[in-house]
């Protein structure tokens, strides 16, 4: 059952934590997603069956956490994640989906002593710059400058409102422009049929990051949801492999 707590920044965050042996597995969800998603709930069940500590949560402005989605930005959601980690004793293994992959990489850079391992699923590092801003046409950029926001169509529901603040603030948190050390076991997972995060992003991340134990697995035909039975099984086995190598 979800509980709420207040971060040092005064934001009200919802999270669900299952006790068990460590390192705890912490699921970081994607942009405009929440902790009730298929992968998060599935991994919670996986962890409980093995007596493994586990946590999932909603960033501010997401799910049942407080705040407005349009007021948030990458730095806020990074701080929310760190506030969750501060409530968990010992090191953690992060599982980051889409934007959650970017957030997890930022946590690894900011709090390397806290992260013992990482699994990313269709990680979307720097997407505000490389996917959104780079993909905006002249009219969209003008609307962003004039109105402070622009609405983008979404395959997952209502249009997404992208703010000028999100784009501008995201530039302070880019991870593919400077050295990125990942000194723990890392498994990157990516579907070849992902229409939201191109396969080239996963290849770029693997090439850019530096670490002693990094592997990228491409799944032919898998889409961005990465939630088929086979994909969920691959997430499980990747997580078990990371935990076994710590």
C-alpha atoms as a PDB file:
ATOM      1  CA  UNK A   1       0.000   0.000   0.000  1.00  0.00           C
ATOM      2  CA  UNK A   2       1.305   3.428  -0.913  1.00  0.00           C
ATOM      3  CA  UNK A   3       2.352   5.920   1.734  1.00  0.00           C
ATOM      4  CA  UNK A   4       3.286   9.580   1.448  1.00  0.00           C
ATOM      5  CA  UNK A   5       6.181  11.598   2.791  1.00  0.00           C
ATOM      6  CA  UNK A   6       7.446  15.146   2.335  1.00  0.00           C
ATOM      7  CA  UNK A   7      10.789  15.796   0.657  1.00  0.00           C
ATOM      8  CA  UNK A   8      13.286  18.405   1.885  1.00  0.00           C
ATOM      9  CA  UNK A   9      11.967  20.596  -0.953  1.00  0.00           C
ATOM     10  CA  UNK A  10       8.434  20.350   0.456  1.00  0.00           C
ATOM     11  CA  UNK A  11       6.984  18.047  -2.195  1.00  0.00           C
ATOM     12  CA  UNK A  12       4.567  15.262  -1.205  1.00  0.00           C
ATOM     13  CA  UNK A  13       5.757  11.952  -2.662  1.00  0.00           C
ATOM     14  CA  UNK A  14       3.873   8.661  -2.822  1.00  0.00           C
ATOM     15  CA  UNK A  15       5.843   5.446  -2.479  1.00  0.00           C
ATOM     16  CA  UNK A  16       5.385   1.766  -1.727  1.00  0.00           C
ATOM     17  CA  UNK A  17       8.163  -0.111   0.058  1.00  0.00           C
ATOM     18  CA  UNK A  18       8.452  -3.833   0.732  1.00  0.00           C
ATOM     19  CA  UNK A  19      10.895  -4.966   3.413  1.00  0.00           C
ATOM     20  CA  UNK A  20      13.446  -7.677   2.656  1.00  0.00           C
ATOM     21  CA  UNK A  21      17.103  -8.385   2.137  1.00  0.00           C
ATOM     22  CA  UNK A  22      19.275  -5.841   0.380  1.00  0.00           C
ATOM     23  CA  UNK A  23      20.415  -4.319  -1.769  1.00  0.00           C
ATOM     24  CA  UNK A  24      16.917  -2.959  -2.252  1.00  0.00           C
ATOM     25  CA  UNK A  25      15.606  -2.761  -5.805  1.00  0.00           C
ATOM     26  CA  UNK A  26      14.138   0.655  -6.634  1.00  0.00           C
ATOM     27  CA  UNK A  27      12.014   1.189  -9.738  1.00  0.00           C
ATOM     28  CA  UNK A  28      12.182   4.605 -11.446  1.00  0.00           C
ATOM     29  CA  UNK A  29       9.287   5.080 -13.842  1.00  0.00           C
ATOM     30  CA  UNK A  30       9.100   7.069 -17.045  1.00  0.00           C
ATOM     31  CA  UNK A  31       7.959  10.513 -18.120  1.00  0.00           C
ATOM     32  CA  UNK A  32       4.255  11.013 -17.291  1.00  0.00           C
ATOM     33  CA  UNK A  33       4.125   7.411 -16.064  1.00  0.00           C
ATOM     34  CA  UNK A  34       3.637   6.182 -12.506  1.00  0.00           C
ATOM     35  CA  UNK A  35       4.371   3.407 -10.046  1.00  0.00           C
ATOM     36  CA  UNK A  36       1.163   1.533 -10.951  1.00  0.00           C
ATOM     37  CA  UNK A  37       2.613   0.523 -14.331  1.00  0.00           C
ATOM     38  CA  UNK A  38       2.996  -3.083 -15.426  1.00  0.00           C
ATOM     39  CA  UNK A  39       6.770  -3.310 -14.973  1.00  0.00           C
ATOM     40  CA  UNK A  40       6.826  -1.689 -11.525  1.00  0.00           C
ATOM     41  CA  UNK A  41       4.041  -3.872 -10.145  1.00  0.00           C
ATOM     42  CA  UNK A  42       5.488  -7.000 -11.740  1.00  0.00           C
ATOM     43  CA  UNK A  43       8.912  -6.397 -10.208  1.00  0.00           C
ATOM     44  CA  UNK A  44       7.360  -5.749  -6.816  1.00  0.00           C
ATOM     45  CA  UNK A  45       5.810  -9.226  -6.968  1.00  0.00           C
ATOM     46  CA  UNK A  46       9.125 -10.681  -8.150  1.00  0.00           C
ATOM     47  CA  UNK A  47      10.961  -9.068  -5.223  1.00  0.00           C
ATOM     48  CA  UNK A  48       8.425 -10.152  -2.620  1.00  0.00           C
ATOM     49  CA  UNK A  49       8.572 -13.747  -3.823  1.00  0.00           C
ATOM     50  CA  UNK A  50      12.328 -13.696  -3.205  1.00  0.00           C
ATOM     51  CA  UNK A  51      12.307 -11.758   0.047  1.00  0.00           C
ATOM     52  CA  UNK A  52      14.083  -8.860  -1.658  1.00  0.00           C
ATOM     53  CA  UNK A  53      13.573  -5.293  -0.446  1.00  0.00           C
ATOM     54  CA  UNK A  54      11.812  -3.232  -3.115  1.00  0.00           C
ATOM     55  CA  UNK A  55      10.457   0.281  -3.612  1.00  0.00           C
ATOM     56  CA  UNK A  56       8.442   2.056  -6.292  1.00  0.00           C
ATOM     57  CA  UNK A  57       7.281   5.652  -6.185  1.00  0.00           C
ATOM     58  CA  UNK A  58       5.721   8.538  -8.079  1.00  0.00           C
ATOM     59  CA  UNK A  59       7.706  11.649  -8.918  1.00  0.00           C
ATOM     60  CA  UNK A  60       6.036  14.918  -7.987  1.00  0.00           C
ATOM     61  CA  UNK A  61       3.285  15.733 -10.480  1.00  0.00           C
ATOM     62  CA  UNK A  62       2.965  12.052 -11.371  1.00  0.00           C
ATOM     63  CA  UNK A  63       0.495   9.412 -10.214  1.00  0.00           C
ATOM     64  CA  UNK A  64      -0.732  10.016  -6.688  1.00  0.00           C
ATOM     65  CA  UNK A  65       2.114  12.279  -5.581  1.00  0.00           C
ATOM     66  CA  UNK A  66       1.448  15.948  -4.986  1.00  0.00           C
ATOM     67  CA  UNK A  67       2.196  18.793  -7.366  1.00  0.00           C
ATOM     68  CA  UNK A  68       1.368  19.627 -10.961  1.00  0.00           C
ATOM     69  CA  UNK A  69       3.033  17.738 -13.800  1.00  0.00           C
ATOM     70  CA  UNK A  70       3.619  20.940 -15.765  1.00  0.00           C
ATOM     71  CA  UNK A  71       5.523  22.498 -12.862  1.00  0.00           C
ATOM     72  CA  UNK A  72       8.081  19.693 -12.698  1.00  0.00           C
ATOM     73  CA  UNK A  73      11.444  19.218 -14.357  1.00  0.00           C
ATOM     74  CA  UNK A  74      14.327  16.756 -14.443  1.00  0.00           C
ATOM     75  CA  UNK A  75      16.080  18.309 -11.448  1.00  0.00           C
ATOM     76  CA  UNK A  76      12.907  18.072  -9.357  1.00  0.00           C
ATOM     77  CA  UNK A  77      12.379  14.427 -10.236  1.00  0.00           C
ATOM     78  CA  UNK A  78      16.029  13.662  -9.520  1.00  0.00           C
ATOM     79  CA  UNK A  79      15.642  15.268  -6.086  1.00  0.00           C
ATOM     80  CA  UNK A  80      12.448  13.262  -5.501  1.00  0.00           C
ATOM     81  CA  UNK A  81      14.331  10.065  -6.306  1.00  0.00           C
ATOM     82  CA  UNK A  82      17.187  10.940  -3.964  1.00  0.00           C
ATOM     83  CA  UNK A  83      14.634  11.647  -1.221  1.00  0.00           C
ATOM     84  CA  UNK A  84      13.235   8.134  -1.706  1.00  0.00           C
ATOM     85  CA  UNK A  85      16.723   6.623  -1.556  1.00  0.00           C
ATOM     86  CA  UNK A  86      17.406   8.495   1.675  1.00  0.00           C
ATOM     87  CA  UNK A  87      14.572   6.492   3.237  1.00  0.00           C
ATOM     88  CA  UNK A  88      16.211   3.183   2.327  1.00  0.00           C
ATOM     89  CA  UNK A  89      19.121   1.850   4.358  1.00  0.00           C
ATOM     90  CA  UNK A  90      22.177   0.688   2.462  1.00  0.00           C
ATOM     91  CA  UNK A  91      22.930   0.559  -1.248  1.00  0.00           C
ATOM     92  CA  UNK A  92      20.284   0.024  -3.933  1.00  0.00           C
ATOM     93  CA  UNK A  93      19.944  -1.433  -7.399  1.00  0.00           C
ATOM     94  CA  UNK A  94      18.059   0.938  -9.661  1.00  0.00           C
ATOM     95  CA  UNK A  95      15.725  -0.153 -12.440  1.00  0.00           C
ATOM     96  CA  UNK A  96      15.052   2.832 -14.679  1.00  0.00           C
ATOM     97  CA  UNK A  97      12.413   2.811 -17.410  1.00  0.00           C
ATOM     98  CA  UNK A  98      12.612   5.441 -20.187  1.00  0.00           C
ATOM     99  CA  UNK A  99      13.047   8.786 -18.385  1.00  0.00           C
ATOM    100  CA  UNK A 100      13.653   6.707 -15.265  1.00  0.00           C
ATOM    101  CA  UNK A 101      16.805   5.470 -16.970  1.00  0.00           C
ATOM    102  CA  UNK A 102      18.014   9.068 -17.278  1.00  0.00           C
ATOM    103  CA  UNK A 103      17.089   9.739 -13.650  1.00  0.00           C
ATOM    104  CA  UNK A 104      18.942   6.591 -12.562  1.00  0.00           C
ATOM    105  CA  UNK A 105      22.063   7.687 -14.450  1.00  0.00           C
ATOM    106  CA  UNK A 106      21.864  11.073 -12.750  1.00  0.00           C
ATOM    107  CA  UNK A 107      21.555   9.384  -9.350  1.00  0.00           C
ATOM    108  CA  UNK A 108      24.575   7.230 -10.168  1.00  0.00           C
ATOM    109  CA  UNK A 109      26.546  10.373 -10.980  1.00  0.00           C
ATOM    110  CA  UNK A 110      25.358  12.363  -7.956  1.00  0.00           C
ATOM    111  CA  UNK A 111      25.262   9.552  -5.360  1.00  0.00           C
ATOM    112  CA  UNK A 112      27.709   6.858  -6.541  1.00  0.00           C
ATOM    113  CA  UNK A 113      28.097   5.474  -3.024  1.00  0.00           C
ATOM    114  CA  UNK A 114      24.367   4.654  -2.946  1.00  0.00           C
ATOM    115  CA  UNK A 115      24.104   2.707  -6.222  1.00  0.00           C
ATOM    116  CA  UNK A 116      25.292  -0.916  -6.354  1.00  0.00           C
ATOM    117  CA  UNK A 117      23.832  -1.846  -9.730  1.00  0.00           C
ATOM    118  CA  UNK A 118      21.627  -0.649 -12.578  1.00  0.00           C
ATOM    119  CA  UNK A 119      19.161  -2.039 -15.102  1.00  0.00           C
ATOM    120  CA  UNK A 120      17.706   0.345 -17.675  1.00  0.00           C
ATOM    121  CA  UNK A 121      14.732  -0.324 -19.937  1.00  0.00           C
ATOM    122  CA  UNK A 122      14.584   1.840 -23.066  1.00  0.00           C
ATOM    123  CA  UNK A 123      16.633   4.475 -21.243  1.00  0.00           C
ATOM    124  CA  UNK A 124      16.024   8.002 -22.526  1.00  0.00           C
ATOM    125  CA  UNK A 125      18.985  10.101 -21.365  1.00  0.00           C
ATOM    126  CA  UNK A 126      18.921  13.754 -22.450  1.00  0.00           C
ATOM    127  CA  UNK A 127      15.545  13.299 -24.178  1.00  0.00           C
ATOM    128  CA  UNK A 128      14.377  16.849 -23.468  1.00  0.00           C
ATOM    129  CA  UNK A 129      17.244  18.110 -25.610  1.00  0.00           C
ATOM    130  CA  UNK A 130      17.902  15.357 -28.153  1.00  0.00           C
ATOM    131  CA  UNK A 131      14.337  14.166 -28.789  1.00  0.00           C
ATOM    132  CA  UNK A 132      12.033  17.043 -27.836  1.00  0.00           C
ATOM    133  CA  UNK A 133      13.941  20.250 -28.529  1.00  0.00           C
ATOM    134  CA  UNK A 134      15.798  18.803 -31.508  1.00  0.00           C
ATOM    135  CA  UNK A 135      12.520  17.519 -32.934  1.00  0.00           C
ATOM    136  CA  UNK A 136      10.497  20.714 -32.554  1.00  0.00           C
ATOM    137  CA  UNK A 137       9.701  22.578 -35.749  1.00  0.00           C
ATOM    138  CA  UNK A 138       9.823  26.367 -36.024  1.00  0.00           C
ATOM    139  CA  UNK A 139       6.171  26.776 -35.004  1.00  0.00           C
ATOM    140  CA  UNK A 140       6.585  24.608 -31.912  1.00  0.00           C
ATOM    141  CA  UNK A 141       9.715  26.475 -30.839  1.00  0.00           C
ATOM    142  CA  UNK A 142       7.909  29.760 -31.354  1.00  0.00           C
ATOM    143  CA  UNK A 143       4.944  28.550 -29.285  1.00  0.00           C
ATOM    144  CA  UNK A 144       7.283  27.420 -26.527  1.00  0.00           C
ATOM    145  CA  UNK A 145       8.920  30.837 -26.479  1.00  0.00           C
ATOM    146  CA  UNK A 146       5.638  32.743 -26.727  1.00  0.00           C
ATOM    147  CA  UNK A 147       3.363  30.653 -24.497  1.00  0.00           C
ATOM    148  CA  UNK A 148       5.877  28.871 -22.284  1.00  0.00           C
ATOM    149  CA  UNK A 149       4.523  25.488 -23.337  1.00  0.00           C
ATOM    150  CA  UNK A 150       3.559  23.311 -26.273  1.00  0.00           C
ATOM    151  CA  UNK A 151       1.291  20.242 -26.443  1.00  0.00           C
ATOM    152  CA  UNK A 152       2.608  17.076 -28.069  1.00  0.00           C
ATOM    153  CA  UNK A 153       0.423  14.140 -29.142  1.00  0.00           C
ATOM    154  CA  UNK A 154       0.884  10.962 -27.123  1.00  0.00           C
ATOM    155  CA  UNK A 155       0.192   7.319 -27.914  1.00  0.00           C
ATOM    156  CA  UNK A 156      -0.604   6.778 -24.254  1.00  0.00           C
ATOM    157  CA  UNK A 157      -3.506   9.188 -23.755  1.00  0.00           C
ATOM    158  CA  UNK A 158      -4.059  12.943 -23.691  1.00  0.00           C
ATOM    159  CA  UNK A 159      -1.479  15.239 -25.319  1.00  0.00           C
ATOM    160  CA  UNK A 160       1.599  15.930 -23.210  1.00  0.00           C
ATOM    161  CA  UNK A 161       2.189  19.555 -22.266  1.00  0.00           C
ATOM    162  CA  UNK A 162       5.893  20.322 -22.554  1.00  0.00           C
ATOM    163  CA  UNK A 163       7.053  23.483 -20.812  1.00  0.00           C
ATOM    164  CA  UNK A 164       9.858  25.861 -21.616  1.00  0.00           C
ATOM    165  CA  UNK A 165      11.070  25.292 -18.059  1.00  0.00           C
ATOM    166  CA  UNK A 166      11.367  21.535 -18.627  1.00  0.00           C
ATOM    167  CA  UNK A 167      13.497  22.044 -21.733  1.00  0.00           C
ATOM    168  CA  UNK A 168      15.712  24.772 -20.270  1.00  0.00           C
ATOM    169  CA  UNK A 169      16.225  23.069 -16.911  1.00  0.00           C
ATOM    170  CA  UNK A 170      16.963  19.745 -18.562  1.00  0.00           C
ATOM    171  CA  UNK A 171      20.127  21.233 -20.073  1.00  0.00           C
ATOM    172  CA  UNK A 172      21.648  21.343 -16.596  1.00  0.00           C
ATOM    173  CA  UNK A 173      21.296  17.557 -16.275  1.00  0.00           C
ATOM    174  CA  UNK A 174      22.543  16.135 -19.574  1.00  0.00           C
ATOM    175  CA  UNK A 175      24.608  12.954 -19.157  1.00  0.00           C
ATOM    176  CA  UNK A 176      25.829  12.250 -22.692  1.00  0.00           C
ATOM    177  CA  UNK A 177      28.010  15.362 -22.952  1.00  0.00           C
ATOM    178  CA  UNK A 178      30.457  14.650 -20.126  1.00  0.00           C
ATOM    179  CA  UNK A 179      32.167  11.552 -18.703  1.00  0.00           C
ATOM    180  CA  UNK A 180      29.707   9.072 -17.198  1.00  0.00           C
ATOM    181  CA  UNK A 181      31.305   6.538 -14.870  1.00  0.00           C
ATOM    182  CA  UNK A 182      29.237   3.490 -13.927  1.00  0.00           C
ATOM    183  CA  UNK A 183      31.444   1.509 -11.558  1.00  0.00           C
ATOM    184  CA  UNK A 184      28.965  -1.307 -10.897  1.00  0.00           C
ATOM    185  CA  UNK A 185      27.141  -3.994 -12.916  1.00  0.00           C
ATOM    186  CA  UNK A 186      24.906  -2.421 -15.575  1.00  0.00           C
ATOM    187  CA  UNK A 187      22.446  -3.993 -17.986  1.00  0.00           C
ATOM    188  CA  UNK A 188      20.863  -1.850 -20.696  1.00  0.00           C
ATOM    189  CA  UNK A 189      17.709  -3.299 -22.336  1.00  0.00           C
ATOM    190  CA  UNK A 190      16.250  -1.910 -25.566  1.00  0.00           C
ATOM    191  CA  UNK A 191      13.584  -2.967 -28.059  1.00  0.00           C
ATOM    192  CA  UNK A 192      14.275  -2.635 -31.776  1.00  0.00           C
ATOM    193  CA  UNK A 193      10.659  -1.580 -32.490  1.00  0.00           C
ATOM    194  CA  UNK A 194      10.668   1.232 -29.911  1.00  0.00           C
ATOM    195  CA  UNK A 195       9.156   4.313 -31.560  1.00  0.00           C
ATOM    196  CA  UNK A 196       9.783   6.606 -28.571  1.00  0.00           C
ATOM    197  CA  UNK A 197      13.466   5.888 -27.922  1.00  0.00           C
ATOM    198  CA  UNK A 198      15.500   4.948 -30.971  1.00  0.00           C
ATOM    199  CA  UNK A 199      17.936   2.062 -30.810  1.00  0.00           C
ATOM    200  CA  UNK A 200      20.739   4.525 -31.555  1.00  0.00           C
ATOM    201  CA  UNK A 201      20.219   6.057 -28.108  1.00  0.00           C
ATOM    202  CA  UNK A 202      21.017   2.746 -26.414  1.00  0.00           C
ATOM    203  CA  UNK A 203      24.096   2.290 -28.585  1.00  0.00           C
ATOM    204  CA  UNK A 204      25.245   5.830 -27.849  1.00  0.00           C
ATOM    205  CA  UNK A 205      24.777   5.300 -24.124  1.00  0.00           C
ATOM    206  CA  UNK A 206      26.763   2.044 -24.161  1.00  0.00           C
ATOM    207  CA  UNK A 207      29.571   3.695 -26.104  1.00  0.00           C
ATOM    208  CA  UNK A 208      29.597   6.824 -23.933  1.00  0.00           C
ATOM    209  CA  UNK A 209      29.409   5.339 -20.433  1.00  0.00           C
ATOM    210  CA  UNK A 210      32.504   3.934 -18.772  1.00  0.00           C
ATOM    211  CA  UNK A 211      32.386   0.919 -16.486  1.00  0.00           C
ATOM    212  CA  UNK A 212      33.836  -2.535 -15.866  1.00  0.00           C
ATOM    213  CA  UNK A 213      30.623  -4.527 -16.362  1.00  0.00           C
ATOM    214  CA  UNK A 214      28.190  -3.091 -18.908  1.00  0.00           C
ATOM    215  CA  UNK A 215      26.066  -5.014 -21.408  1.00  0.00           C
ATOM    216  CA  UNK A 216      23.371  -4.005 -23.866  1.00  0.00           C
ATOM    217  CA  UNK A 217      20.642  -6.447 -24.897  1.00  0.00           C
ATOM    218  CA  UNK A 218      18.529  -5.650 -27.960  1.00  0.00           C
ATOM    219  CA  UNK A 219      15.172  -7.382 -28.237  1.00  0.00           C
ATOM    220  CA  UNK A 220      13.942  -7.771 -31.794  1.00  0.00           C
ATOM    221  CA  UNK A 221      10.411  -6.444 -32.209  1.00  0.00           C
ATOM    222  CA  UNK A 222       9.979  -5.157 -28.645  1.00  0.00           C
ATOM    223  CA  UNK A 223       8.302  -1.746 -28.335  1.00  0.00           C
ATOM    224  CA  UNK A 224       8.681   1.023 -25.776  1.00  0.00           C
ATOM    225  CA  UNK A 225       6.343  -0.588 -23.272  1.00  0.00           C
ATOM    226  CA  UNK A 226       8.700  -3.579 -22.963  1.00  0.00           C
ATOM    227  CA  UNK A 227       5.999  -5.393 -20.997  1.00  0.00           C
ATOM    228  CA  UNK A 228       5.385  -8.645 -22.858  1.00  0.00           C
ATOM    229  CA  UNK A 229       5.920 -11.857 -20.865  1.00  0.00           C
ATOM    230  CA  UNK A 230       9.273 -12.383 -22.588  1.00  0.00           C
ATOM    231  CA  UNK A 231      10.371  -8.791 -21.877  1.00  0.00           C
ATOM    232  CA  UNK A 232       9.339  -9.023 -18.230  1.00  0.00           C
ATOM    233  CA  UNK A 233      11.283 -12.277 -17.939  1.00  0.00           C
ATOM    234  CA  UNK A 234      14.330 -10.574 -19.449  1.00  0.00           C
ATOM    235  CA  UNK A 235      14.078  -7.734 -16.928  1.00  0.00           C
ATOM    236  CA  UNK A 236      13.953 -10.330 -14.148  1.00  0.00           C
ATOM    237  CA  UNK A 237      16.980 -12.250 -15.422  1.00  0.00           C
ATOM    238  CA  UNK A 238      18.950  -9.036 -15.979  1.00  0.00           C
ATOM    239  CA  UNK A 239      18.180  -7.931 -12.451  1.00  0.00           C
ATOM    240  CA  UNK A 240      19.171 -11.322 -11.058  1.00  0.00           C
ATOM    241  CA  UNK A 241      22.423 -11.149 -13.000  1.00  0.00           C
ATOM    242  CA  UNK A 242      23.225  -7.685 -11.643  1.00  0.00           C
ATOM    243  CA  UNK A 243      22.404  -8.737  -8.078  1.00  0.00           C
ATOM    244  CA  UNK A 244      24.533 -11.846  -8.479  1.00  0.00           C
ATOM    245  CA  UNK A 245      27.566  -9.839  -9.580  1.00  0.00           C
ATOM    246  CA  UNK A 246      27.521  -7.272  -6.767  1.00  0.00           C
END
